[in-house]
Amino acid sequence: MRSVCLLAAVGLLADAAGADGAVPILYTTDLLHPHADPDDHFDIATLFGMPEFDVRGMVFDLGPVGKDRPGIVALRQMMHLTGKEVPFATGLVECLVSPEDTGREQPEETQRGVELILRVLKESPQPVVVFVTGSLRDIAAAMNRDERLCREKIARLYVNAGHAGGDREYNVDLDPHSYVRVLNSGCPLYLVPCFGPNGYESYWRFTHREVLDGASGGIQGFIVYALTQADPAQRDPILALTEPVPEALRQEIWSQERNMWCTGALLHAAGRACRTFSFPETEVLVEPSGRTTVVSSGIGRPMKVFHVDKPDEYRGEMLAALRQALAEFKN
């Protein structure tokens, strides 16, 4: 599996890898069931399919859109397929009222996500990679409750959100104050803009057939279950992993296209060195509204920003990596 991306230099892994070489990672995601965008299902499969990761916890970023449908079903399916047990919690529902908001005023039942973040960081003997998709409300609230802990125990913080050219972006709009708080936190940031000019964007796409044809039956069942928005009360999510896919449904789903954003950042977080993108040290102007713009040196906040160096080859490398991650599943 190292043929796509060679393991990175020891220096990249040394900041987070445990004694066994695994990278401890805390994952926050707006994965939902029924889904809002099933790119999140391919991302969680990538996360669980990469052997470099030791997944320490998962927080479901909810907000008003997801408060009644966190993707716990998908996580349980992944744990069944891999035999891994991962602590999880649902997070805050309301937007932060300011970049300094701790979120403590929100209902008690919504506090578990922030509490899990702080517990994972506190209990880890080494710094942890934090990987955020969706809004940043739970990690921002965690920073506001214990900034010192976050600074000491976050090895790398991947922020999969934003537009590098100053335009509005969906994930930022979910909670602008939390985005601003995290980008100004001083933590070791790896900003992964969804879109932007001059190569500063992580977006790519594929046709389902390109990855599902070579995937295990379990992964095929996992994706079909997500895309059909099956009701767990009517169709058991674990049994569904081994059910054959009807041919008409297969043809329909296999022909669909999927937009993706997080694959490259997951490869980098795992410590792999890839050929088609990098994280150059860049300055970013962070506006109070949450708009971000890559700017000339001296007028922005320095951080590492995802950049596609070889646009003609980028999609091919991401596609091959996704195929390999899904091939790790044996069921």
C-alpha atoms as a PDB file:
ATOM      1  CA  MET A   1       0.000   0.000   0.000  1.00  0.00           C
ATOM      2  CA  ARG A   2       3.015   2.309   0.183  1.00  0.00           C
ATOM      3  CA  SER A   3       3.159   2.473  -3.630  1.00  0.00           C
ATOM      4  CA  VAL A   4       0.865   5.494  -3.818  1.00  0.00           C
ATOM      5  CA  CYS A   5       2.432   7.651  -1.125  1.00  0.00           C
ATOM      6  CA  LEU A   6       5.671   6.755   0.601  1.00  0.00           C
ATOM      7  CA  LEU A   7       5.858   7.202   4.336  1.00  0.00           C
ATOM      8  CA  ALA A   8       6.987  10.702   5.145  1.00  0.00           C
ATOM      9  CA  ALA A   9      10.226  11.576   6.831  1.00  0.00           C
ATOM     10  CA  VAL A  10      10.496  10.731  10.510  1.00  0.00           C
ATOM     11  CA  GLY A  11      10.257  14.416  11.378  1.00  0.00           C
ATOM     12  CA  LEU A  12       6.607  14.632  10.278  1.00  0.00           C
ATOM     13  CA  LEU A  13       5.608  11.664  12.429  1.00  0.00           C
ATOM     14  CA  ALA A  14       7.721  12.439  15.471  1.00  0.00           C
ATOM     15  CA  ASP A  15       5.363  15.149  16.728  1.00  0.00           C
ATOM     16  CA  ALA A  16       2.492  12.720  17.231  1.00  0.00           C
ATOM     17  CA  ALA A  17       3.374   9.063  16.691  1.00  0.00           C
ATOM     18  CA  GLY A  18       3.086   6.790  19.698  1.00  0.00           C
ATOM     19  CA  ALA A  19       5.523   4.112  20.781  1.00  0.00           C
ATOM     20  CA  ASP A  20       4.047   1.682  18.244  1.00  0.00           C
ATOM     21  CA  GLY A  21       4.410   4.213  15.432  1.00  0.00           C
ATOM     22  CA  ALA A  22       0.668   4.816  15.104  1.00  0.00           C
ATOM     23  CA  VAL A  23      -0.557   8.385  14.764  1.00  0.00           C
ATOM     24  CA  PRO A  24      -3.088   9.269  17.487  1.00  0.00           C
ATOM     25  CA  ILE A  25      -5.906  11.203  15.864  1.00  0.00           C
ATOM     26  CA  LEU A  26      -9.034  12.908  17.150  1.00  0.00           C
ATOM     27  CA  TYR A  27     -11.619  13.307  14.410  1.00  0.00           C
ATOM     28  CA  THR A  28     -14.501  15.781  14.395  1.00  0.00           C
ATOM     29  CA  THR A  29     -16.976  15.482  11.550  1.00  0.00           C
ATOM     30  CA  ASP A  30     -20.377  16.648  10.338  1.00  0.00           C
ATOM     31  CA  LEU A  31     -21.075  13.079   9.202  1.00  0.00           C
ATOM     32  CA  LEU A  32     -24.855  12.587   9.300  1.00  0.00           C
ATOM     33  CA  HIS A  33     -27.373   9.829   8.693  1.00  0.00           C
ATOM     34  CA  PRO A  34     -29.446  10.489   6.655  1.00  0.00           C
ATOM     35  CA  HIS A  35     -26.526  12.243   5.019  1.00  0.00           C
ATOM     36  CA  ALA A  36     -26.151  15.889   4.062  1.00  0.00           C
ATOM     37  CA  ASP A  37     -23.222  15.083   1.777  1.00  0.00           C
ATOM     38  CA  PRO A  38     -21.901  11.501   1.606  1.00  0.00           C
ATOM     39  CA  ASP A  39     -18.338  12.598   0.974  1.00  0.00           C
ATOM     40  CA  ASP A  40     -18.138  12.253   4.776  1.00  0.00           C
ATOM     41  CA  HIS A  41     -18.812   8.507   4.484  1.00  0.00           C
ATOM     42  CA  PHE A  42     -15.899   8.059   2.096  1.00  0.00           C
ATOM     43  CA  ASP A  43     -13.743  10.112   4.472  1.00  0.00           C
ATOM     44  CA  ILE A  44     -14.531   8.002   7.533  1.00  0.00           C
ATOM     45  CA  ALA A  45     -13.845   4.862   5.492  1.00  0.00           C
ATOM     46  CA  THR A  46     -10.484   6.359   4.510  1.00  0.00           C
ATOM     47  CA  LEU A  47      -9.740   7.182   8.152  1.00  0.00           C
ATOM     48  CA  PHE A  48     -10.506   3.631   9.301  1.00  0.00           C
ATOM     49  CA  GLY A  49      -8.842   2.051   6.280  1.00  0.00           C
ATOM     50  CA  MET A  50      -5.432   3.652   6.846  1.00  0.00           C
ATOM     51  CA  PRO A  51      -3.346   1.515   9.217  1.00  0.00           C
ATOM     52  CA  GLU A  52      -1.225   4.450  10.350  1.00  0.00           C
ATOM     53  CA  PHE A  53      -4.037   5.902  12.469  1.00  0.00           C
ATOM     54  CA  ASP A  54      -4.900   5.223  16.087  1.00  0.00           C
ATOM     55  CA  VAL A  55      -8.345   6.844  16.280  1.00  0.00           C
ATOM     56  CA  ARG A  56      -8.662   8.135  19.851  1.00  0.00           C
ATOM     57  CA  GLY A  57     -12.114   9.658  19.556  1.00  0.00           C
ATOM     58  CA  MET A  58     -14.759  11.016  17.222  1.00  0.00           C
ATOM     59  CA  VAL A  59     -16.985  14.039  17.749  1.00  0.00           C
ATOM     60  CA  PHE A  60     -20.103  14.507  15.664  1.00  0.00           C
ATOM     61  CA  ASP A  61     -20.415  18.179  14.778  1.00  0.00           C
ATOM     62  CA  LEU A  62     -24.144  18.801  14.734  1.00  0.00           C
ATOM     63  CA  GLY A  63     -25.458  22.344  14.603  1.00  0.00           C
ATOM     64  CA  PRO A  64     -29.118  22.936  13.762  1.00  0.00           C
ATOM     65  CA  VAL A  65     -28.785  20.899  10.554  1.00  0.00           C
ATOM     66  CA  GLY A  66     -27.524  17.743  12.227  1.00  0.00           C
ATOM     67  CA  LYS A  67     -28.926  17.796  15.748  1.00  0.00           C
ATOM     68  CA  ASP A  68     -31.383  14.950  15.095  1.00  0.00           C
ATOM     69  CA  ARG A  69     -29.231  12.794  12.801  1.00  0.00           C
ATOM     70  CA  PRO A  70     -25.593  12.314  13.852  1.00  0.00           C
ATOM     71  CA  GLY A  71     -23.828   9.655  11.795  1.00  0.00           C
ATOM     72  CA  ILE A  72     -23.434   7.203  14.669  1.00  0.00           C
ATOM     73  CA  VAL A  73     -24.817   4.422  12.461  1.00  0.00           C
ATOM     74  CA  ALA A  74     -21.908   4.880  10.035  1.00  0.00           C
ATOM     75  CA  LEU A  75     -19.360   4.838  12.861  1.00  0.00           C
ATOM     76  CA  ARG A  76     -20.798   1.620  14.265  1.00  0.00           C
ATOM     77  CA  GLN A  77     -20.612   0.051  10.830  1.00  0.00           C
ATOM     78  CA  MET A  78     -16.946   1.067  10.556  1.00  0.00           C
ATOM     79  CA  MET A  79     -16.173  -0.342  13.986  1.00  0.00           C
ATOM     80  CA  HIS A  80     -17.848  -3.602  13.006  1.00  0.00           C
ATOM     81  CA  LEU A  81     -15.889  -3.860   9.755  1.00  0.00           C
ATOM     82  CA  THR A  82     -12.530  -3.149  11.384  1.00  0.00           C
ATOM     83  CA  GLY A  83     -12.932  -4.477  14.940  1.00  0.00           C
ATOM     84  CA  LYS A  84     -11.860  -1.079  16.289  1.00  0.00           C
ATOM     85  CA  GLU A  85     -13.685   0.509  19.215  1.00  0.00           C
ATOM     86  CA  VAL A  86     -13.667   4.299  19.183  1.00  0.00           C
ATOM     87  CA  PRO A  87     -15.110   6.600  21.871  1.00  0.00           C
ATOM     88  CA  PHE A  88     -17.576   9.081  20.371  1.00  0.00           C
ATOM     89  CA  ALA A  89     -19.842  11.933  21.385  1.00  0.00           C
ATOM     90  CA  THR A  90     -22.208  14.438  19.840  1.00  0.00           C
ATOM     91  CA  GLY A  91     -21.328  18.101  20.089  1.00  0.00           C
ATOM     92  CA  LEU A  92     -22.732  21.576  20.516  1.00  0.00           C
ATOM     93  CA  VAL A  93     -25.803  22.543  18.531  1.00  0.00           C
ATOM     94  CA  GLU A  94     -25.846  26.337  18.653  1.00  0.00           C
ATOM     95  CA  CYS A  95     -23.274  28.616  17.065  1.00  0.00           C
ATOM     96  CA  LEU A  96     -20.763  30.294  19.341  1.00  0.00           C
ATOM     97  CA  VAL A  97     -21.873  33.842  20.124  1.00  0.00           C
ATOM     98  CA  SER A  98     -18.294  35.156  19.915  1.00  0.00           C
ATOM     99  CA  PRO A  99     -14.787  33.793  19.291  1.00  0.00           C
ATOM    100  CA  GLU A 100     -14.346  33.681  23.094  1.00  0.00           C
ATOM    101  CA  ASP A 101     -17.513  31.676  23.811  1.00  0.00           C
ATOM    102  CA  THR A 102     -16.917  28.467  25.808  1.00  0.00           C
ATOM    103  CA  GLY A 103     -20.273  26.986  24.847  1.00  0.00           C
ATOM    104  CA  ARG A 104     -21.012  26.243  28.507  1.00  0.00           C
ATOM    105  CA  GLU A 105     -24.357  28.033  28.291  1.00  0.00           C
ATOM    106  CA  GLN A 106     -25.676  25.501  25.810  1.00  0.00           C
ATOM    107  CA  PRO A 107     -27.768  22.532  27.071  1.00  0.00           C
ATOM    108  CA  GLU A 108     -26.042  19.881  29.162  1.00  0.00           C
ATOM    109  CA  GLU A 109     -26.743  17.116  26.657  1.00  0.00           C
ATOM    110  CA  THR A 110     -24.735  18.960  23.989  1.00  0.00           C
ATOM    111  CA  GLN A 111     -21.543  19.235  26.066  1.00  0.00           C
ATOM    112  CA  ARG A 112     -20.226  15.720  25.471  1.00  0.00           C
ATOM    113  CA  GLY A 113     -18.252  16.562  22.340  1.00  0.00           C
ATOM    114  CA  VAL A 114     -16.178  19.299  23.974  1.00  0.00           C
ATOM    115  CA  GLU A 115     -15.691  17.099  27.022  1.00  0.00           C
ATOM    116  CA  LEU A 116     -14.424  14.227  24.865  1.00  0.00           C
ATOM    117  CA  ILE A 117     -11.944  16.490  23.076  1.00  0.00           C
ATOM    118  CA  LEU A 118     -10.476  17.705  26.355  1.00  0.00           C
ATOM    119  CA  ARG A 119     -10.422  14.209  27.863  1.00  0.00           C
ATOM    120  CA  VAL A 120      -8.619  12.684  24.878  1.00  0.00           C
ATOM    121  CA  LEU A 121      -6.004  15.446  24.922  1.00  0.00           C
ATOM    122  CA  LYS A 122      -5.521  15.240  28.689  1.00  0.00           C
ATOM    123  CA  GLU A 123      -5.200  11.450  28.789  1.00  0.00           C
ATOM    124  CA  SER A 124      -2.891  11.075  25.805  1.00  0.00           C
ATOM    125  CA  PRO A 125       0.774  10.617  26.778  1.00  0.00           C
ATOM    126  CA  GLN A 126       1.827  12.330  23.546  1.00  0.00           C
ATOM    127  CA  PRO A 127       0.401  15.168  21.412  1.00  0.00           C
ATOM    128  CA  VAL A 128      -2.567  14.274  19.231  1.00  0.00           C
ATOM    129  CA  VAL A 129      -3.400  15.116  15.630  1.00  0.00           C
ATOM    130  CA  VAL A 130      -6.791  16.839  15.463  1.00  0.00           C
ATOM    131  CA  PHE A 131      -8.678  16.613  12.185  1.00  0.00           C
ATOM    132  CA  VAL A 132     -11.748  18.819  11.736  1.00  0.00           C
ATOM    133  CA  THR A 133     -14.388  18.695   9.027  1.00  0.00           C
ATOM    134  CA  GLY A 134     -17.600  20.733   9.150  1.00  0.00           C
ATOM    135  CA  SER A 135     -17.815  23.586  11.632  1.00  0.00           C
ATOM    136  CA  LEU A 136     -15.156  24.175  14.286  1.00  0.00           C
ATOM    137  CA  ARG A 137     -17.508  24.924  17.191  1.00  0.00           C
ATOM    138  CA  ASP A 138     -16.500  22.041  19.466  1.00  0.00           C
ATOM    139  CA  ILE A 139     -12.736  22.443  19.076  1.00  0.00           C
ATOM    140  CA  ALA A 140     -13.074  26.237  19.444  1.00  0.00           C
ATOM    141  CA  ALA A 141     -15.095  25.812  22.642  1.00  0.00           C
ATOM    142  CA  ALA A 142     -12.487  23.337  23.918  1.00  0.00           C
ATOM    143  CA  MET A 143      -9.749  25.909  23.287  1.00  0.00           C
ATOM    144  CA  ASN A 144     -11.712  28.522  25.193  1.00  0.00           C
ATOM    145  CA  ARG A 145     -12.091  26.186  28.174  1.00  0.00           C
ATOM    146  CA  ASP A 146      -8.477  24.997  28.347  1.00  0.00           C
ATOM    147  CA  GLU A 147      -6.210  26.872  25.963  1.00  0.00           C
ATOM    148  CA  ARG A 148      -3.020  25.666  27.608  1.00  0.00           C
ATOM    149  CA  LEU A 149      -3.966  22.007  27.236  1.00  0.00           C
ATOM    150  CA  CYS A 150      -4.826  22.499  23.580  1.00  0.00           C
ATOM    151  CA  ARG A 151      -1.564  24.269  22.865  1.00  0.00           C
ATOM    152  CA  GLU A 152       0.438  21.553  24.609  1.00  0.00           C
ATOM    153  CA  LYS A 153      -1.375  18.483  23.311  1.00  0.00           C
ATOM    154  CA  ILE A 154      -2.396  19.322  19.731  1.00  0.00           C
ATOM    155  CA  ALA A 155       0.423  18.145  17.486  1.00  0.00           C
ATOM    156  CA  ARG A 156      -1.195  19.279  14.242  1.00  0.00           C
ATOM    157  CA  LEU A 157      -4.639  20.748  13.638  1.00  0.00           C
ATOM    158  CA  TYR A 158      -6.096  20.117  10.185  1.00  0.00           C
ATOM    159  CA  VAL A 159      -8.891  22.560   9.357  1.00  0.00           C
ATOM    160  CA  ASN A 160     -10.829  21.340   6.328  1.00  0.00           C
ATOM    161  CA  ALA A 161     -12.832  24.465   5.592  1.00  0.00           C
ATOM    162  CA  GLY A 162     -12.668  27.874   4.008  1.00  0.00           C
ATOM    163  CA  HIS A 163     -11.942  29.628   0.734  1.00  0.00           C
ATOM    164  CA  ALA A 164      -8.391  30.805   0.050  1.00  0.00           C
ATOM    165  CA  GLY A 165      -9.535  33.714  -2.108  1.00  0.00           C
ATOM    166  CA  GLY A 166     -11.801  35.534   0.343  1.00  0.00           C
ATOM    167  CA  ASP A 167     -15.151  34.125  -0.790  1.00  0.00           C
ATOM    168  CA  ARG A 168     -17.754  32.614   1.513  1.00  0.00           C
ATOM    169  CA  GLU A 169     -17.598  28.871   2.160  1.00  0.00           C
ATOM    170  CA  TYR A 170     -20.218  26.471   3.534  1.00  0.00           C
ATOM    171  CA  ASN A 171     -18.262  25.019   6.473  1.00  0.00           C
ATOM    172  CA  VAL A 172     -17.205  28.441   7.702  1.00  0.00           C
ATOM    173  CA  ASP A 173     -20.749  29.740   7.485  1.00  0.00           C
ATOM    174  CA  LEU A 174     -21.859  26.957   9.830  1.00  0.00           C
ATOM    175  CA  ASP A 175     -20.120  28.839  12.672  1.00  0.00           C
ATOM    176  CA  PRO A 176     -17.920  31.800  11.664  1.00  0.00           C
ATOM    177  CA  HIS A 177     -16.845  32.691  15.220  1.00  0.00           C
ATOM    178  CA  SER A 178     -15.416  29.223  15.820  1.00  0.00           C
ATOM    179  CA  TYR A 179     -13.484  29.345  12.547  1.00  0.00           C
ATOM    180  CA  VAL A 180     -11.942  32.701  13.439  1.00  0.00           C
ATOM    181  CA  ARG A 181     -11.084  31.476  16.952  1.00  0.00           C
ATOM    182  CA  VAL A 182      -9.267  28.399  15.723  1.00  0.00           C
ATOM    183  CA  LEU A 183      -7.355  30.173  12.962  1.00  0.00           C
ATOM    184  CA  ASN A 184      -6.143  32.743  15.481  1.00  0.00           C
ATOM    185  CA  SER A 185      -5.334  30.156  18.157  1.00  0.00           C
ATOM    186  CA  GLY A 186      -1.618  29.847  17.609  1.00  0.00           C
ATOM    187  CA  CYS A 187      -1.884  26.058  17.396  1.00  0.00           C
ATOM    188  CA  PRO A 188       0.109  24.306  14.625  1.00  0.00           C
ATOM    189  CA  LEU A 189      -2.448  24.875  11.876  1.00  0.00           C
ATOM    190  CA  TYR A 190      -2.735  23.031   8.581  1.00  0.00           C
ATOM    191  CA  LEU A 191      -5.421  24.922   6.708  1.00  0.00           C
ATOM    192  CA  VAL A 192      -7.131  22.928   3.950  1.00  0.00           C
ATOM    193  CA  PRO A 193      -9.290  25.352   1.927  1.00  0.00           C
ATOM    194  CA  CYS A 194     -12.118  23.671   0.083  1.00  0.00           C
ATOM    195  CA  PHE A 195     -11.777  26.162  -2.753  1.00  0.00           C
ATOM    196  CA  GLY A 196      -9.447  28.941  -3.797  1.00  0.00           C
ATOM    197  CA  PRO A 197      -7.258  30.406  -6.526  1.00  0.00           C
ATOM    198  CA  ASN A 198      -3.740  29.522  -7.595  1.00  0.00           C
ATOM    199  CA  GLY A 199      -3.846  25.913  -6.407  1.00  0.00           C
ATOM    200  CA  TYR A 200      -4.931  26.650  -2.842  1.00  0.00           C
ATOM    201  CA  GLU A 201      -7.863  24.240  -2.797  1.00  0.00           C
ATOM    202  CA  SER A 202      -8.351  20.566  -1.951  1.00  0.00           C
ATOM    203  CA  TYR A 203     -11.376  19.808  -4.146  1.00  0.00           C
ATOM    204  CA  TRP A 204     -11.434  16.759  -6.427  1.00  0.00           C
ATOM    205  CA  ARG A 205     -14.101  14.344  -7.683  1.00  0.00           C
ATOM    206  CA  PHE A 206     -14.578  10.775  -8.859  1.00  0.00           C
ATOM    207  CA  THR A 207     -17.240   8.408 -10.157  1.00  0.00           C
ATOM    208  CA  HIS A 208     -18.370   5.797  -7.631  1.00  0.00           C
ATOM    209  CA  ARG A 209     -17.567   2.992 -10.053  1.00  0.00           C
ATOM    210  CA  GLU A 210     -13.885   3.980  -9.948  1.00  0.00           C
ATOM    211  CA  VAL A 211     -13.584   2.991  -6.298  1.00  0.00           C
ATOM    212  CA  LEU A 212     -16.488   0.657  -5.536  1.00  0.00           C
ATOM    213  CA  ASP A 213     -15.656  -1.915  -8.219  1.00  0.00           C
ATOM    214  CA  GLY A 214     -12.490  -2.820  -6.330  1.00  0.00           C
ATOM    215  CA  ALA A 215     -13.890  -2.421  -2.827  1.00  0.00           C
ATOM    216  CA  SER A 216     -14.914  -5.230  -0.479  1.00  0.00           C
ATOM    217  CA  GLY A 217     -18.538  -6.256  -0.107  1.00  0.00           C
ATOM    218  CA  GLY A 218     -18.606  -4.620   3.312  1.00  0.00           C
ATOM    219  CA  ILE A 219     -17.568  -1.240   1.946  1.00  0.00           C
ATOM    220  CA  GLN A 220     -20.015  -1.544  -0.924  1.00  0.00           C
ATOM    221  CA  GLY A 221     -22.782  -2.273   1.576  1.00  0.00           C
ATOM    222  CA  PHE A 222     -21.652   0.630   3.749  1.00  0.00           C
ATOM    223  CA  ILE A 223     -21.844   3.141   0.893  1.00  0.00           C
ATOM    224  CA  VAL A 224     -25.136   1.791  -0.450  1.00  0.00           C
ATOM    225  CA  TYR A 225     -26.661   2.002   3.030  1.00  0.00           C
ATOM    226  CA  ALA A 226     -25.573   5.641   3.307  1.00  0.00           C
ATOM    227  CA  LEU A 227     -26.662   6.700  -0.162  1.00  0.00           C
ATOM    228  CA  THR A 228     -30.096   5.084   0.112  1.00  0.00           C
ATOM    229  CA  GLN A 229     -30.532   6.839   3.486  1.00  0.00           C
ATOM    230  CA  ALA A 230     -31.772   3.591   4.996  1.00  0.00           C
ATOM    231  CA  ASP A 231     -33.802   3.733   8.194  1.00  0.00           C
ATOM    232  CA  PRO A 232     -31.998   1.734  10.935  1.00  0.00           C
ATOM    233  CA  ALA A 233     -35.375   0.935  12.469  1.00  0.00           C
ATOM    234  CA  GLN A 234     -36.386  -0.780   9.227  1.00  0.00           C
ATOM    235  CA  ARG A 235     -33.064  -2.160   7.978  1.00  0.00           C
ATOM    236  CA  ASP A 236     -30.353  -3.364  10.316  1.00  0.00           C
ATOM    237  CA  PRO A 237     -27.142  -1.430   9.521  1.00  0.00           C
ATOM    238  CA  ILE A 238     -24.808  -4.316  10.388  1.00  0.00           C
ATOM    239  CA  LEU A 239     -26.696  -6.991   8.489  1.00  0.00           C
ATOM    240  CA  ALA A 240     -26.907  -4.618   5.519  1.00  0.00           C
ATOM    241  CA  LEU A 241     -23.111  -4.730   5.179  1.00  0.00           C
ATOM    242  CA  THR A 242     -23.289  -8.296   3.873  1.00  0.00           C
ATOM    243  CA  GLU A 243     -26.450  -8.065   1.773  1.00  0.00           C
ATOM    244  CA  PRO A 244     -26.007  -8.241  -2.018  1.00  0.00           C
ATOM    245  CA  VAL A 245     -26.666  -5.019  -3.912  1.00  0.00           C
ATOM    246  CA  PRO A 246     -29.525  -5.362  -6.424  1.00  0.00           C
ATOM    247  CA  GLU A 247     -28.209  -4.878  -9.948  1.00  0.00           C
ATOM    248  CA  ALA A 248     -30.497  -1.943 -10.801  1.00  0.00           C
ATOM    249  CA  LEU A 249     -29.432  -0.136  -7.625  1.00  0.00           C
ATOM    250  CA  ARG A 250     -25.788  -0.943  -8.323  1.00  0.00           C
ATOM    251  CA  GLN A 251     -25.984   0.599 -11.783  1.00  0.00           C
ATOM    252  CA  GLU A 252     -27.645   3.704 -10.396  1.00  0.00           C
ATOM    253  CA  ILE A 253     -25.197   4.270  -7.540  1.00  0.00           C
ATOM    254  CA  TRP A 254     -22.021   3.203  -9.367  1.00  0.00           C
ATOM    255  CA  SER A 255     -22.645   5.822 -12.076  1.00  0.00           C
ATOM    256  CA  GLN A 256     -22.929   8.740  -9.635  1.00  0.00           C
ATOM    257  CA  GLU A 257     -20.120  11.240  -9.064  1.00  0.00           C
ATOM    258  CA  ARG A 258     -18.796  12.372  -5.707  1.00  0.00           C
ATOM    259  CA  ASN A 259     -17.128  15.636  -4.692  1.00  0.00           C
ATOM    260  CA  MET A 260     -14.261  15.269  -2.220  1.00  0.00           C
ATOM    261  CA  TRP A 261     -12.075  17.566  -0.131  1.00  0.00           C
ATOM    262  CA  CYS A 262     -10.326  15.737   2.735  1.00  0.00           C
ATOM    263  CA  THR A 263      -8.387  12.889   1.104  1.00  0.00           C
ATOM    264  CA  GLY A 264      -5.090  14.706   0.739  1.00  0.00           C
ATOM    265  CA  ALA A 265      -5.172  16.055   4.279  1.00  0.00           C
ATOM    266  CA  LEU A 266      -5.823  12.551   5.642  1.00  0.00           C
ATOM    267  CA  LEU A 267      -2.805  11.235   3.733  1.00  0.00           C
ATOM    268  CA  HIS A 268      -0.649  14.020   5.150  1.00  0.00           C
ATOM    269  CA  ALA A 269      -1.997  13.509   8.683  1.00  0.00           C
ATOM    270  CA  ALA A 270      -1.033   9.829   8.418  1.00  0.00           C
ATOM    271  CA  GLY A 271       2.549  10.862   7.675  1.00  0.00           C
ATOM    272  CA  ARG A 272       2.648  10.026   3.999  1.00  0.00           C
ATOM    273  CA  ALA A 273       4.585  12.151   1.533  1.00  0.00           C
ATOM    274  CA  CYS A 274       2.631  12.661  -1.672  1.00  0.00           C
ATOM    275  CA  ARG A 275       3.819  14.006  -5.005  1.00  0.00           C
ATOM    276  CA  THR A 276       0.993  16.283  -6.052  1.00  0.00           C
ATOM    277  CA  PHE A 277       0.365  18.606  -3.109  1.00  0.00           C
ATOM    278  CA  SER A 278       2.176  20.226  -0.193  1.00  0.00           C
ATOM    279  CA  PHE A 279       1.599  22.479   2.797  1.00  0.00           C
ATOM    280  CA  PRO A 280       3.809  25.534   2.181  1.00  0.00           C
ATOM    281  CA  GLU A 281       4.220  28.086   4.954  1.00  0.00           C
ATOM    282  CA  THR A 282       1.837  30.844   3.867  1.00  0.00           C
ATOM    283  CA  GLU A 283       0.263  33.966   5.299  1.00  0.00           C
ATOM    284  CA  VAL A 284      -3.507  34.179   5.547  1.00  0.00           C
ATOM    285  CA  LEU A 285      -5.591  37.247   6.249  1.00  0.00           C
ATOM    286  CA  VAL A 286      -8.339  36.182   8.659  1.00  0.00           C
ATOM    287  CA  GLU A 287     -11.306  38.566   8.730  1.00  0.00           C
ATOM    288  CA  PRO A 288     -13.764  38.715  11.668  1.00  0.00           C
ATOM    289  CA  SER A 289     -16.479  37.481   9.282  1.00  0.00           C
ATOM    290  CA  GLY A 290     -14.557  34.249   8.700  1.00  0.00           C
ATOM    291  CA  ARG A 291     -13.405  35.107   5.195  1.00  0.00           C
ATOM    292  CA  THR A 292      -9.815  34.084   4.558  1.00  0.00           C
ATOM    293  CA  THR A 293      -7.382  35.135   1.856  1.00  0.00           C
ATOM    294  CA  VAL A 294      -3.865  33.951   1.075  1.00  0.00           C
ATOM    295  CA  VAL A 295      -1.829  37.173   1.061  1.00  0.00           C
ATOM    296  CA  SER A 296       1.656  38.530   0.595  1.00  0.00           C
ATOM    297  CA  SER A 297       4.168  38.158   3.379  1.00  0.00           C
ATOM    298  CA  GLY A 298       3.898  40.579   6.259  1.00  0.00           C
ATOM    299  CA  ILE A 299       0.159  41.272   6.346  1.00  0.00           C
ATOM    300  CA  GLY A 300      -1.392  37.947   7.385  1.00  0.00           C
ATOM    301  CA  ARG A 301      -1.169  35.172   9.954  1.00  0.00           C
ATOM    302  CA  PRO A 302       1.454  32.513   9.111  1.00  0.00           C
ATOM    303  CA  MET A 303       0.181  28.943   8.762  1.00  0.00           C
ATOM    304  CA  LYS A 304       0.627  25.944   6.522  1.00  0.00           C
ATOM    305  CA  VAL A 305      -1.913  25.930   3.682  1.00  0.00           C
ATOM    306  CA  PHE A 306      -2.804  23.036   1.395  1.00  0.00           C
ATOM    307  CA  HIS A 307      -1.570  23.637  -2.154  1.00  0.00           C
ATOM    308  CA  VAL A 308      -1.918  21.482  -5.277  1.00  0.00           C
ATOM    309  CA  ASP A 309       1.512  21.510  -6.888  1.00  0.00           C
ATOM    310  CA  LYS A 310       0.722  19.202  -9.812  1.00  0.00           C
ATOM    311  CA  PRO A 311      -2.878  19.808 -10.844  1.00  0.00           C
ATOM    312  CA  ASP A 312      -2.717  17.424 -13.800  1.00  0.00           C
ATOM    313  CA  GLU A 313      -1.769  14.536 -11.510  1.00  0.00           C
ATOM    314  CA  TYR A 314      -3.620  15.454  -8.314  1.00  0.00           C
ATOM    315  CA  ARG A 315      -6.883  13.645  -9.020  1.00  0.00           C
ATOM    316  CA  GLY A 316      -5.075  10.461 -10.022  1.00  0.00           C
ATOM    317  CA  GLU A 317      -3.073  10.360  -6.816  1.00  0.00           C
ATOM    318  CA  MET A 318      -6.139  10.997  -4.654  1.00  0.00           C
ATOM    319  CA  LEU A 319      -8.138   8.326  -6.492  1.00  0.00           C
ATOM    320  CA  ALA A 320      -5.388   5.723  -6.103  1.00  0.00           C
ATOM    321  CA  ALA A 321      -5.027   6.526  -2.396  1.00  0.00           C
ATOM    322  CA  LEU A 322      -8.775   6.218  -1.813  1.00  0.00           C
ATOM    323  CA  ARG A 323      -8.836   2.879  -3.622  1.00  0.00           C
ATOM    324  CA  GLN A 324      -6.008   1.609  -1.446  1.00  0.00           C
ATOM    325  CA  ALA A 325      -7.658   2.746   1.773  1.00  0.00           C
ATOM    326  CA  LEU A 326     -10.878   0.951   0.883  1.00  0.00           C
ATOM    327  CA  ALA A 327      -8.926  -2.146  -0.159  1.00  0.00           C
ATOM    328  CA  GLU A 328      -7.718  -2.490   3.447  1.00  0.00           C
ATOM    329  CA  PHE A 329     -11.195  -3.707   4.424  1.00  0.00           C
ATOM    330  CA  LYS A 330     -11.360  -7.497   4.181  1.00  0.00           C
ATOM    331  CA  ASN A 331     -15.104  -7.974   4.664  1.00  0.00           C
END
